[in-house]
Amino acid sequence: MNNFSTLLANVNRNNIHPPPEIEEVLNFFNSKKHIHDRNKCHAYILLRYSVAKECKRIGEFNAILIHKVVDHLWNTSTLQEKAEYVNLAQRVKSR
């Protein structure tokens, strides 16, 4: 996939919303990578994690395209969908 619209059409929103379980996110933040700071966790980062995971599932690894999809999905998500990610981010920070 080499363009935004193709990637966006292939992303399954059902794999993005609802957000992943808290255990999966905590494992991500507790990984050996030093760039993952649980205290800096916010909803957009968690959405980016979900979208990147979905893109990996369909075979897309272009970071620029993934970023564009994340931006688009964040801007077109409902308030309820965003709230689920905000709540998850708050739960991650509190652990």
N, C-alpha and C. Protein backbone atom coordinates (compact mmCIF):
# COMPACT_ATOMS: atom_id res chain seq x y z
N MET A 1 0.84 -1.17 0.00
CA MET A 1 0.00 0.00 0.00
C MET A 1 0.88 1.23 0.00
N ASN A 2 0.67 2.06 -0.94
CA ASN A 2 1.54 3.22 -1.01
C ASN A 2 0.79 4.54 -1.01
N ASN A 3 -0.50 4.51 -0.66
CA ASN A 3 -1.17 5.80 -0.52
C ASN A 3 -2.15 5.78 0.64
N PHE A 4 -2.41 6.97 1.11
CA PHE A 4 -3.22 7.17 2.31
C PHE A 4 -4.62 6.57 2.18
N SER A 5 -5.30 6.85 1.10
CA SER A 5 -6.69 6.39 0.96
C SER A 5 -6.78 4.87 0.92
N THR A 6 -5.83 4.21 0.29
CA THR A 6 -5.83 2.75 0.27
C THR A 6 -5.63 2.19 1.67
N LEU A 7 -4.67 2.75 2.38
CA LEU A 7 -4.42 2.29 3.75
C LEU A 7 -5.63 2.55 4.63
N LEU A 8 -6.20 3.73 4.54
CA LEU A 8 -7.37 4.06 5.35
C LEU A 8 -8.53 3.11 5.06
N ALA A 9 -8.71 2.76 3.81
CA ALA A 9 -9.78 1.83 3.44
C ALA A 9 -9.55 0.44 3.99
N ASN A 10 -8.28 0.05 4.16
CA ASN A 10 -7.97 -1.29 4.64
C ASN A 10 -7.89 -1.41 6.16
N VAL A 11 -7.85 -0.28 6.85
CA VAL A 11 -7.80 -0.32 8.32
C VAL A 11 -9.18 -0.68 8.84
N ASN A 12 -9.23 -1.70 9.67
CA ASN A 12 -10.48 -2.15 10.26
C ASN A 12 -10.71 -1.37 11.55
N ARG A 13 -11.68 -0.46 11.53
CA ARG A 13 -11.96 0.37 12.72
C ARG A 13 -12.39 -0.47 13.91
N ASN A 14 -12.91 -1.65 13.66
CA ASN A 14 -13.30 -2.54 14.76
C ASN A 14 -12.09 -3.03 15.55
N ASN A 15 -10.91 -2.96 14.94
CA ASN A 15 -9.69 -3.32 15.65
C ASN A 15 -9.08 -2.10 16.36
N ILE A 16 -9.63 -0.93 16.11
CA ILE A 16 -9.15 0.32 16.72
C ILE A 16 -10.05 0.72 17.88
N HIS A 17 -11.33 0.61 17.68
CA HIS A 17 -12.33 0.96 18.70
C HIS A 17 -13.11 -0.29 19.06
N PRO A 18 -13.21 -0.66 20.28
CA PRO A 18 -12.69 -0.01 21.49
C PRO A 18 -11.18 -0.20 21.61
N PRO A 19 -10.55 0.59 22.49
CA PRO A 19 -9.09 0.50 22.66
C PRO A 19 -8.68 -0.85 23.25
N PRO A 20 -7.39 -1.15 23.19
CA PRO A 20 -6.92 -2.43 23.73
C PRO A 20 -7.10 -2.50 25.25
N GLU A 21 -6.95 -3.70 25.77
CA GLU A 21 -7.04 -3.91 27.22
C GLU A 21 -5.86 -3.23 27.91
N ILE A 22 -6.06 -2.84 29.15
CA ILE A 22 -5.03 -2.13 29.89
C ILE A 22 -3.77 -2.97 30.07
N GLU A 23 -3.91 -4.28 30.21
CA GLU A 23 -2.73 -5.14 30.37
C GLU A 23 -1.82 -5.07 29.16
N GLU A 24 -2.42 -5.05 27.97
CA GLU A 24 -1.63 -4.95 26.73
C GLU A 24 -0.89 -3.62 26.67
N VAL A 25 -1.56 -2.55 27.06
CA VAL A 25 -0.94 -1.23 27.02
C VAL A 25 0.17 -1.13 28.06
N LEU A 26 -0.06 -1.69 29.24
CA LEU A 26 0.97 -1.68 30.28
C LEU A 26 2.19 -2.47 29.83
N ASN A 27 1.97 -3.58 29.15
CA ASN A 27 3.10 -4.35 28.61
C ASN A 27 3.88 -3.53 27.60
N PHE A 28 3.17 -2.77 26.78
CA PHE A 28 3.82 -1.90 25.80
C PHE A 28 4.69 -0.86 26.51
N PHE A 29 4.13 -0.21 27.53
CA PHE A 29 4.88 0.83 28.23
C PHE A 29 5.99 0.25 29.11
N ASN A 30 5.85 -0.98 29.54
CA ASN A 30 6.87 -1.61 30.37
C ASN A 30 7.92 -2.36 29.56
N SER A 31 7.82 -2.26 28.24
CA SER A 31 8.80 -2.95 27.40
C SER A 31 10.18 -2.35 27.61
N LYS A 32 11.17 -2.95 27.03
CA LYS A 32 12.55 -2.52 27.23
C LYS A 32 12.87 -1.20 26.55
N LYS A 33 11.99 -0.71 25.73
CA LYS A 33 12.23 0.54 25.02
C LYS A 33 12.11 1.71 25.99
N HIS A 34 13.10 2.54 26.04
CA HIS A 34 13.13 3.64 26.98
C HIS A 34 12.25 4.81 26.57
N ILE A 35 11.77 4.80 25.35
CA ILE A 35 10.97 5.94 24.89
C ILE A 35 9.54 5.88 25.41
N HIS A 36 9.14 4.77 25.97
CA HIS A 36 7.77 4.62 26.44
C HIS A 36 7.70 5.00 27.92
N ASP A 37 7.20 6.16 28.19
CA ASP A 37 7.04 6.64 29.55
C ASP A 37 5.56 6.64 29.91
N ARG A 38 5.18 5.78 30.80
CA ARG A 38 3.78 5.62 31.18
C ARG A 38 3.19 6.94 31.71
N ASN A 39 4.02 7.77 32.34
CA ASN A 39 3.52 9.03 32.88
C ASN A 39 3.19 10.04 31.80
N LYS A 40 3.72 9.85 30.60
CA LYS A 40 3.43 10.75 29.49
C LYS A 40 2.36 10.18 28.56
N CYS A 41 1.70 9.16 29.02
CA CYS A 41 0.67 8.49 28.24
C CYS A 41 -0.55 9.40 28.08
N HIS A 42 -1.03 9.53 26.87
CA HIS A 42 -2.28 10.23 26.63
C HIS A 42 -3.03 9.52 25.51
N ALA A 43 -4.27 9.93 25.33
CA ALA A 43 -5.19 9.22 24.45
C ALA A 43 -4.66 9.09 23.03
N TYR A 44 -4.07 10.14 22.49
CA TYR A 44 -3.58 10.11 21.11
C TYR A 44 -2.48 9.05 20.95
N ILE A 45 -1.59 8.94 21.93
CA ILE A 45 -0.52 7.93 21.87
C ILE A 45 -1.13 6.53 21.85
N LEU A 46 -2.17 6.32 22.64
CA LEU A 46 -2.80 5.00 22.67
C LEU A 46 -3.51 4.70 21.36
N LEU A 47 -4.12 5.72 20.76
CA LEU A 47 -4.72 5.51 19.44
C LEU A 47 -3.63 5.19 18.42
N ARG A 48 -2.52 5.89 18.49
CA ARG A 48 -1.41 5.63 17.58
C ARG A 48 -0.91 4.20 17.74
N TYR A 49 -0.83 3.73 18.98
CA TYR A 49 -0.43 2.34 19.23
C TYR A 49 -1.40 1.37 18.56
N SER A 50 -2.70 1.60 18.73
CA SER A 50 -3.71 0.71 18.13
C SER A 50 -3.65 0.72 16.61
N VAL A 51 -3.50 1.90 16.04
CA VAL A 51 -3.45 2.01 14.58
C VAL A 51 -2.18 1.35 14.04
N ALA A 52 -1.05 1.57 14.70
CA ALA A 52 0.21 0.95 14.26
C ALA A 52 0.10 -0.57 14.31
N LYS A 53 -0.52 -1.07 15.35
CA LYS A 53 -0.72 -2.52 15.46
C LYS A 53 -1.60 -3.05 14.33
N GLU A 54 -2.66 -2.32 14.02
CA GLU A 54 -3.55 -2.71 12.91
C GLU A 54 -2.82 -2.62 11.57
N CYS A 55 -2.02 -1.57 11.38
CA CYS A 55 -1.27 -1.43 10.13
C CYS A 55 -0.26 -2.56 9.98
N LYS A 56 0.38 -2.93 11.06
CA LYS A 56 1.32 -4.05 11.03
C LYS A 56 0.59 -5.33 10.62
N ARG A 57 -0.63 -5.51 11.16
CA ARG A 57 -1.42 -6.69 10.83
C ARG A 57 -1.70 -6.79 9.33
N ILE A 58 -1.93 -5.63 8.68
CA ILE A 58 -2.24 -5.66 7.25
C ILE A 58 -1.00 -5.47 6.38
N GLY A 59 0.16 -5.33 7.02
CA GLY A 59 1.41 -5.30 6.27
C GLY A 59 1.92 -3.92 5.88
N GLU A 60 1.48 -2.89 6.56
CA GLU A 60 1.94 -1.53 6.25
C GLU A 60 2.86 -1.04 7.36
N PHE A 61 4.06 -0.58 6.97
CA PHE A 61 5.05 -0.15 7.95
C PHE A 61 5.55 1.28 7.69
N ASN A 62 4.96 1.98 6.73
CA ASN A 62 5.38 3.34 6.40
C ASN A 62 4.89 4.28 7.50
N ALA A 63 5.83 4.81 8.29
CA ALA A 63 5.49 5.64 9.45
C ALA A 63 4.72 6.90 9.06
N ILE A 64 5.04 7.48 7.93
CA ILE A 64 4.35 8.71 7.50
C ILE A 64 2.89 8.41 7.19
N LEU A 65 2.63 7.33 6.47
CA LEU A 65 1.25 6.96 6.16
C LEU A 65 0.48 6.62 7.44
N ILE A 66 1.13 5.89 8.34
CA ILE A 66 0.48 5.52 9.59
C ILE A 66 0.12 6.77 10.38
N HIS A 67 1.04 7.73 10.43
CA HIS A 67 0.78 8.98 11.15
C HIS A 67 -0.43 9.71 10.55
N LYS A 68 -0.52 9.73 9.24
CA LYS A 68 -1.65 10.39 8.58
C LYS A 68 -2.97 9.70 8.92
N VAL A 69 -2.93 8.37 8.96
CA VAL A 69 -4.14 7.62 9.31
C VAL A 69 -4.54 7.90 10.75
N VAL A 70 -3.55 7.93 11.65
CA VAL A 70 -3.84 8.24 13.05
C VAL A 70 -4.49 9.62 13.17
N ASP A 71 -3.92 10.60 12.51
CA ASP A 71 -4.49 11.95 12.55
C ASP A 71 -5.93 11.94 12.03
N HIS A 72 -6.14 11.28 10.92
CA HIS A 72 -7.49 11.23 10.34
C HIS A 72 -8.46 10.55 11.30
N LEU A 73 -8.06 9.40 11.85
CA LEU A 73 -8.95 8.68 12.75
C LEU A 73 -9.22 9.47 14.03
N TRP A 74 -8.22 10.16 14.54
CA TRP A 74 -8.44 10.98 15.74
C TRP A 74 -9.45 12.09 15.44
N ASN A 75 -9.29 12.74 14.29
CA ASN A 75 -10.17 13.85 13.95
C ASN A 75 -11.58 13.41 13.60
N THR A 76 -11.75 12.17 13.17
CA THR A 76 -13.08 11.69 12.79
C THR A 76 -13.72 10.78 13.83
N SER A 77 -13.01 10.52 14.92
CA SER A 77 -13.58 9.69 15.99
C SER A 77 -14.67 10.46 16.72
N THR A 78 -15.63 9.72 17.21
CA THR A 78 -16.70 10.34 18.00
C THR A 78 -16.17 10.72 19.38
N LEU A 79 -16.91 11.53 20.08
CA LEU A 79 -16.52 11.90 21.44
C LEU A 79 -16.45 10.66 22.34
N GLN A 80 -17.36 9.72 22.12
CA GLN A 80 -17.35 8.48 22.91
C GLN A 80 -16.09 7.66 22.65
N GLU A 81 -15.70 7.55 21.38
CA GLU A 81 -14.49 6.80 21.04
C GLU A 81 -13.25 7.46 21.64
N LYS A 82 -13.18 8.78 21.57
CA LYS A 82 -12.06 9.49 22.17
C LYS A 82 -12.06 9.33 23.68
N ALA A 83 -13.24 9.39 24.28
CA ALA A 83 -13.35 9.26 25.74
C ALA A 83 -12.83 7.90 26.22
N GLU A 84 -13.06 6.86 25.44
CA GLU A 84 -12.55 5.54 25.81
C GLU A 84 -11.03 5.54 25.88
N TYR A 85 -10.39 6.21 24.94
CA TYR A 85 -8.93 6.31 24.94
C TYR A 85 -8.44 7.22 26.07
N VAL A 86 -9.17 8.30 26.34
CA VAL A 86 -8.80 9.19 27.45
C VAL A 86 -8.88 8.44 28.77
N ASN A 87 -9.95 7.68 28.97
CA ASN A 87 -10.10 6.90 30.20
C ASN A 87 -9.00 5.87 30.34
N LEU A 88 -8.65 5.22 29.26
CA LEU A 88 -7.57 4.23 29.30
C LEU A 88 -6.25 4.90 29.66
N ALA A 89 -5.99 6.05 29.09
CA ALA A 89 -4.75 6.77 29.40
C ALA A 89 -4.69 7.14 30.88
N GLN A 90 -5.80 7.57 31.44
CA GLN A 90 -5.82 7.91 32.86
C GLN A 90 -5.57 6.68 33.72
N ARG A 91 -6.13 5.54 33.32
CA ARG A 91 -5.91 4.30 34.08
C ARG A 91 -4.46 3.86 33.99
N VAL A 92 -3.84 4.04 32.82
CA VAL A 92 -2.42 3.67 32.65
C VAL A 92 -1.56 4.55 33.54
N LYS A 93 -1.82 5.83 33.57
CA LYS A 93 -1.03 6.76 34.39
C LYS A 93 -1.15 6.45 35.88
N SER A 94 -2.32 5.98 36.29
CA SER A 94 -2.54 5.73 37.72
C SER A 94 -1.92 4.43 38.21
N ARG A 95 -1.43 3.62 37.32
CA ARG A 95 -0.82 2.34 37.73
C ARG A 95 0.64 2.49 37.98
